[in-house]
Amino acid sequence: MIVSIMAHILAKIEGVKVTDIKDQLVSDMTKHAEHGLYLKHVWQNADDKNEIFFIFRTNDLDKARKFIEEVHTQVLAEDHNANLPHMTFLEER
């Protein structure tokens, strides 16, 4: 039996509208897929509407991490105060 190990990336961002995050994620879906990132869910914290969480599935955590780090570095180079999500990289064991 072959078992595939899947990794996930949990993102948390504050101070934005959930509709804006969803729109941005849909807009970036093709680019994300090219780098092995597949959006699975978007949540708004029921107790703090200011907090948005979303999760990606990936088969190659290193490739996905490298892409995210490159994008975040570019964004921060243009605006060091940019509101970027905090990313948590999760491996299945």
N, C-alpha and C. Protein backbone atom coordinates (compact mmCIF):
# COMPACT_ATOMS: atom_id res chain seq x y z
N MET A 1 0.85 -1.18 0.00
CA MET A 1 0.00 0.00 0.00
C MET A 1 0.89 1.24 0.00
N ILE A 2 0.61 2.17 -0.90
CA ILE A 2 1.36 3.42 -0.99
C ILE A 2 0.60 4.50 -0.24
N VAL A 3 1.31 5.14 0.66
CA VAL A 3 0.71 6.23 1.43
C VAL A 3 1.40 7.52 1.02
N SER A 4 0.65 8.49 0.56
CA SER A 4 1.25 9.77 0.22
C SER A 4 1.16 10.70 1.42
N ILE A 5 2.28 11.34 1.71
CA ILE A 5 2.31 12.27 2.82
C ILE A 5 1.99 13.66 2.28
N MET A 6 1.03 14.27 2.88
CA MET A 6 0.60 15.58 2.45
C MET A 6 0.93 16.59 3.53
N ALA A 7 1.37 17.74 3.11
CA ALA A 7 1.66 18.82 4.05
C ALA A 7 0.61 19.91 3.88
N HIS A 8 0.51 20.75 4.87
CA HIS A 8 -0.41 21.88 4.82
C HIS A 8 0.29 23.14 5.28
N ILE A 9 -0.24 24.25 4.86
CA ILE A 9 0.26 25.56 5.28
C ILE A 9 -0.95 26.33 5.79
N LEU A 10 -0.89 26.65 7.07
CA LEU A 10 -1.96 27.41 7.72
C LEU A 10 -1.54 28.87 7.77
N ALA A 11 -2.40 29.73 7.28
CA ALA A 11 -2.12 31.17 7.26
C ALA A 11 -3.11 31.90 8.15
N LYS A 12 -2.59 32.92 8.83
CA LYS A 12 -3.44 33.76 9.68
C LYS A 12 -3.12 35.21 9.34
N ILE A 13 -4.16 35.98 9.09
CA ILE A 13 -3.99 37.40 8.82
C ILE A 13 -5.06 38.16 9.57
N GLU A 14 -4.73 39.37 9.97
CA GLU A 14 -5.67 40.20 10.71
C GLU A 14 -5.83 41.55 10.01
N GLY A 15 -6.95 42.18 10.25
CA GLY A 15 -7.15 43.54 9.77
C GLY A 15 -7.58 43.66 8.32
N VAL A 16 -8.11 42.59 7.76
CA VAL A 16 -8.62 42.64 6.39
C VAL A 16 -9.99 41.99 6.34
N LYS A 17 -10.75 42.32 5.33
CA LYS A 17 -12.07 41.73 5.17
C LYS A 17 -11.93 40.33 4.59
N VAL A 18 -12.77 39.42 5.08
CA VAL A 18 -12.73 38.04 4.58
C VAL A 18 -13.02 38.01 3.08
N THR A 19 -13.89 38.87 2.60
CA THR A 19 -14.19 38.89 1.16
C THR A 19 -12.96 39.32 0.36
N ASP A 20 -12.18 40.24 0.89
CA ASP A 20 -10.96 40.67 0.19
C ASP A 20 -9.94 39.55 0.12
N ILE A 21 -9.80 38.81 1.20
CA ILE A 21 -8.86 37.67 1.21
C ILE A 21 -9.32 36.61 0.21
N LYS A 22 -10.60 36.28 0.24
CA LYS A 22 -11.12 35.27 -0.69
C LYS A 22 -10.91 35.71 -2.13
N ASP A 23 -11.19 36.97 -2.43
CA ASP A 23 -11.00 37.48 -3.79
C ASP A 23 -9.53 37.38 -4.22
N GLN A 24 -8.62 37.73 -3.31
CA GLN A 24 -7.19 37.67 -3.62
C GLN A 24 -6.74 36.22 -3.84
N LEU A 25 -7.21 35.32 -3.00
CA LEU A 25 -6.84 33.91 -3.14
C LEU A 25 -7.36 33.31 -4.44
N VAL A 26 -8.57 33.68 -4.84
CA VAL A 26 -9.11 33.22 -6.12
C VAL A 26 -8.29 33.79 -7.27
N SER A 27 -7.94 35.06 -7.17
CA SER A 27 -7.12 35.71 -8.20
C SER A 27 -5.75 35.04 -8.34
N ASP A 28 -5.18 34.59 -7.23
CA ASP A 28 -3.84 33.99 -7.23
C ASP A 28 -3.85 32.47 -7.39
N MET A 29 -5.01 31.88 -7.56
CA MET A 29 -5.13 30.42 -7.56
C MET A 29 -4.23 29.73 -8.59
N THR A 30 -4.17 30.24 -9.80
CA THR A 30 -3.34 29.63 -10.84
C THR A 30 -1.86 29.73 -10.48
N LYS A 31 -1.44 30.90 -10.03
CA LYS A 31 -0.04 31.08 -9.63
C LYS A 31 0.31 30.18 -8.46
N HIS A 32 -0.59 30.07 -7.51
CA HIS A 32 -0.35 29.18 -6.37
C HIS A 32 -0.21 27.73 -6.83
N ALA A 33 -1.09 27.30 -7.71
CA ALA A 33 -1.06 25.92 -8.20
C ALA A 33 0.25 25.62 -8.93
N GLU A 34 0.79 26.59 -9.65
CA GLU A 34 2.07 26.40 -10.34
C GLU A 34 3.19 26.09 -9.35
N HIS A 35 3.02 26.49 -8.11
CA HIS A 35 4.03 26.27 -7.07
C HIS A 35 3.57 25.22 -6.05
N GLY A 36 2.56 24.46 -6.42
CA GLY A 36 2.12 23.34 -5.59
C GLY A 36 1.27 23.70 -4.40
N LEU A 37 0.63 24.85 -4.43
CA LEU A 37 -0.25 25.29 -3.33
C LEU A 37 -1.71 25.20 -3.78
N TYR A 38 -2.50 24.49 -3.00
CA TYR A 38 -3.92 24.31 -3.34
C TYR A 38 -4.77 24.72 -2.15
N LEU A 39 -5.53 25.79 -2.31
CA LEU A 39 -6.37 26.31 -1.24
C LEU A 39 -7.46 25.30 -0.88
N LYS A 40 -7.60 25.03 0.41
CA LYS A 40 -8.61 24.09 0.88
C LYS A 40 -9.76 24.78 1.60
N HIS A 41 -9.47 25.73 2.47
CA HIS A 41 -10.53 26.38 3.26
C HIS A 41 -10.12 27.79 3.65
N VAL A 42 -11.13 28.62 3.87
CA VAL A 42 -10.95 29.95 4.44
C VAL A 42 -11.94 30.06 5.59
N TRP A 43 -11.45 30.54 6.74
CA TRP A 43 -12.32 30.71 7.91
C TRP A 43 -12.17 32.11 8.47
N GLN A 44 -13.25 32.58 9.08
CA GLN A 44 -13.20 33.81 9.87
C GLN A 44 -13.43 33.39 11.32
N ASN A 45 -12.58 33.87 12.21
CA ASN A 45 -12.70 33.54 13.63
C ASN A 45 -14.06 34.02 14.14
N ALA A 46 -14.84 33.13 14.70
CA ALA A 46 -16.17 33.46 15.19
C ALA A 46 -16.12 34.41 16.39
N ASP A 47 -15.00 34.36 17.14
CA ASP A 47 -14.86 35.20 18.32
C ASP A 47 -14.11 36.50 18.06
N ASP A 48 -13.43 36.58 16.94
CA ASP A 48 -12.67 37.78 16.57
C ASP A 48 -12.76 37.95 15.06
N LYS A 49 -13.74 38.69 14.61
CA LYS A 49 -14.00 38.86 13.18
C LYS A 49 -12.82 39.49 12.44
N ASN A 50 -11.86 40.00 13.19
CA ASN A 50 -10.67 40.62 12.62
C ASN A 50 -9.65 39.58 12.15
N GLU A 51 -9.82 38.32 12.59
CA GLU A 51 -8.88 37.24 12.27
C GLU A 51 -9.42 36.35 11.17
N ILE A 52 -8.58 36.15 10.14
CA ILE A 52 -8.92 35.26 9.03
C ILE A 52 -7.85 34.18 8.98
N PHE A 53 -8.29 32.94 8.80
CA PHE A 53 -7.39 31.81 8.61
C PHE A 53 -7.68 31.18 7.27
N PHE A 54 -6.64 30.68 6.60
CA PHE A 54 -6.83 29.88 5.41
C PHE A 54 -5.74 28.83 5.35
N ILE A 55 -6.06 27.74 4.64
CA ILE A 55 -5.13 26.62 4.62
C ILE A 55 -4.94 26.12 3.20
N PHE A 56 -3.68 25.84 2.90
CA PHE A 56 -3.30 25.25 1.62
C PHE A 56 -2.86 23.81 1.85
N ARG A 57 -3.07 22.98 0.86
CA ARG A 57 -2.50 21.64 0.81
C ARG A 57 -1.33 21.72 -0.16
N THR A 58 -0.28 20.95 0.12
CA THR A 58 0.85 20.87 -0.80
C THR A 58 1.48 19.50 -0.71
N ASN A 59 2.03 19.05 -1.81
CA ASN A 59 2.77 17.79 -1.82
C ASN A 59 4.27 18.03 -1.67
N ASP A 60 4.69 19.29 -1.78
CA ASP A 60 6.11 19.63 -1.70
C ASP A 60 6.26 20.86 -0.81
N LEU A 61 6.43 20.62 0.48
CA LEU A 61 6.47 21.70 1.45
C LEU A 61 7.65 22.64 1.20
N ASP A 62 8.80 22.09 0.83
CA ASP A 62 9.98 22.93 0.58
C ASP A 62 9.75 23.88 -0.59
N LYS A 63 9.18 23.37 -1.67
CA LYS A 63 8.89 24.21 -2.84
C LYS A 63 7.88 25.30 -2.48
N ALA A 64 6.85 24.94 -1.75
CA ALA A 64 5.82 25.91 -1.35
C ALA A 64 6.41 26.96 -0.42
N ARG A 65 7.23 26.53 0.54
CA ARG A 65 7.86 27.46 1.47
C ARG A 65 8.75 28.46 0.72
N LYS A 66 9.53 27.96 -0.22
CA LYS A 66 10.43 28.82 -0.99
C LYS A 66 9.62 29.87 -1.76
N PHE A 67 8.54 29.46 -2.40
CA PHE A 67 7.70 30.38 -3.15
C PHE A 67 7.11 31.46 -2.22
N ILE A 68 6.56 31.04 -1.10
CA ILE A 68 5.96 31.99 -0.16
C ILE A 68 7.00 32.97 0.35
N GLU A 69 8.16 32.47 0.72
CA GLU A 69 9.22 33.35 1.22
C GLU A 69 9.66 34.36 0.16
N GLU A 70 9.75 33.92 -1.10
CA GLU A 70 10.12 34.84 -2.18
C GLU A 70 9.07 35.93 -2.37
N VAL A 71 7.80 35.53 -2.38
CA VAL A 71 6.71 36.50 -2.55
C VAL A 71 6.70 37.49 -1.38
N HIS A 72 6.80 37.00 -0.18
CA HIS A 72 6.77 37.89 0.99
C HIS A 72 7.97 38.83 1.00
N THR A 73 9.13 38.34 0.60
CA THR A 73 10.32 39.19 0.53
C THR A 73 10.12 40.31 -0.48
N GLN A 74 9.56 39.99 -1.64
CA GLN A 74 9.30 41.00 -2.67
C GLN A 74 8.31 42.04 -2.18
N VAL A 75 7.24 41.59 -1.55
CA VAL A 75 6.22 42.52 -1.05
C VAL A 75 6.81 43.44 0.01
N LEU A 76 7.58 42.87 0.93
CA LEU A 76 8.18 43.68 1.99
C LEU A 76 9.23 44.64 1.47
N ALA A 77 9.89 44.30 0.36
CA ALA A 77 10.86 45.21 -0.25
C ALA A 77 10.16 46.45 -0.80
N GLU A 78 8.93 46.27 -1.27
CA GLU A 78 8.15 47.38 -1.81
C GLU A 78 7.46 48.17 -0.71
N ASP A 79 7.06 47.48 0.36
CA ASP A 79 6.34 48.12 1.47
C ASP A 79 6.66 47.37 2.75
N HIS A 80 7.61 47.89 3.53
CA HIS A 80 8.04 47.19 4.73
C HIS A 80 6.94 47.10 5.80
N ASN A 81 5.83 47.81 5.61
CA ASN A 81 4.69 47.74 6.53
C ASN A 81 3.55 46.89 5.98
N ALA A 82 3.80 46.14 4.92
CA ALA A 82 2.73 45.34 4.30
C ALA A 82 2.14 44.36 5.31
N ASN A 83 0.85 44.19 5.23
CA ASN A 83 0.13 43.26 6.11
C ASN A 83 0.11 41.89 5.45
N LEU A 84 1.08 41.06 5.83
CA LEU A 84 1.19 39.72 5.27
C LEU A 84 0.72 38.69 6.29
N PRO A 85 0.21 37.57 5.81
CA PRO A 85 -0.23 36.54 6.75
C PRO A 85 0.96 35.86 7.42
N HIS A 86 0.72 35.42 8.64
CA HIS A 86 1.69 34.57 9.34
C HIS A 86 1.46 33.15 8.83
N MET A 87 2.53 32.51 8.37
CA MET A 87 2.41 31.19 7.77
C MET A 87 2.97 30.13 8.74
N THR A 88 2.22 29.05 8.92
CA THR A 88 2.66 27.92 9.73
C THR A 88 2.72 26.71 8.81
N PHE A 89 3.89 26.08 8.72
CA PHE A 89 4.13 24.97 7.82
C PHE A 89 3.95 23.67 8.60
N LEU A 90 3.03 22.83 8.15
CA LEU A 90 2.63 21.63 8.90
C LEU A 90 2.92 20.37 8.09
N GLU A 91 3.66 19.45 8.71
CA GLU A 91 3.95 18.18 8.08
C GLU A 91 3.13 17.08 8.74
N GLU A 92 2.65 16.19 7.91
CA GLU A 92 1.92 15.02 8.41
C GLU A 92 2.95 13.97 8.81
N ARG A 93 2.77 13.37 9.95
CA ARG A 93 3.71 12.34 10.44
C ARG A 93 2.99 11.07 10.75
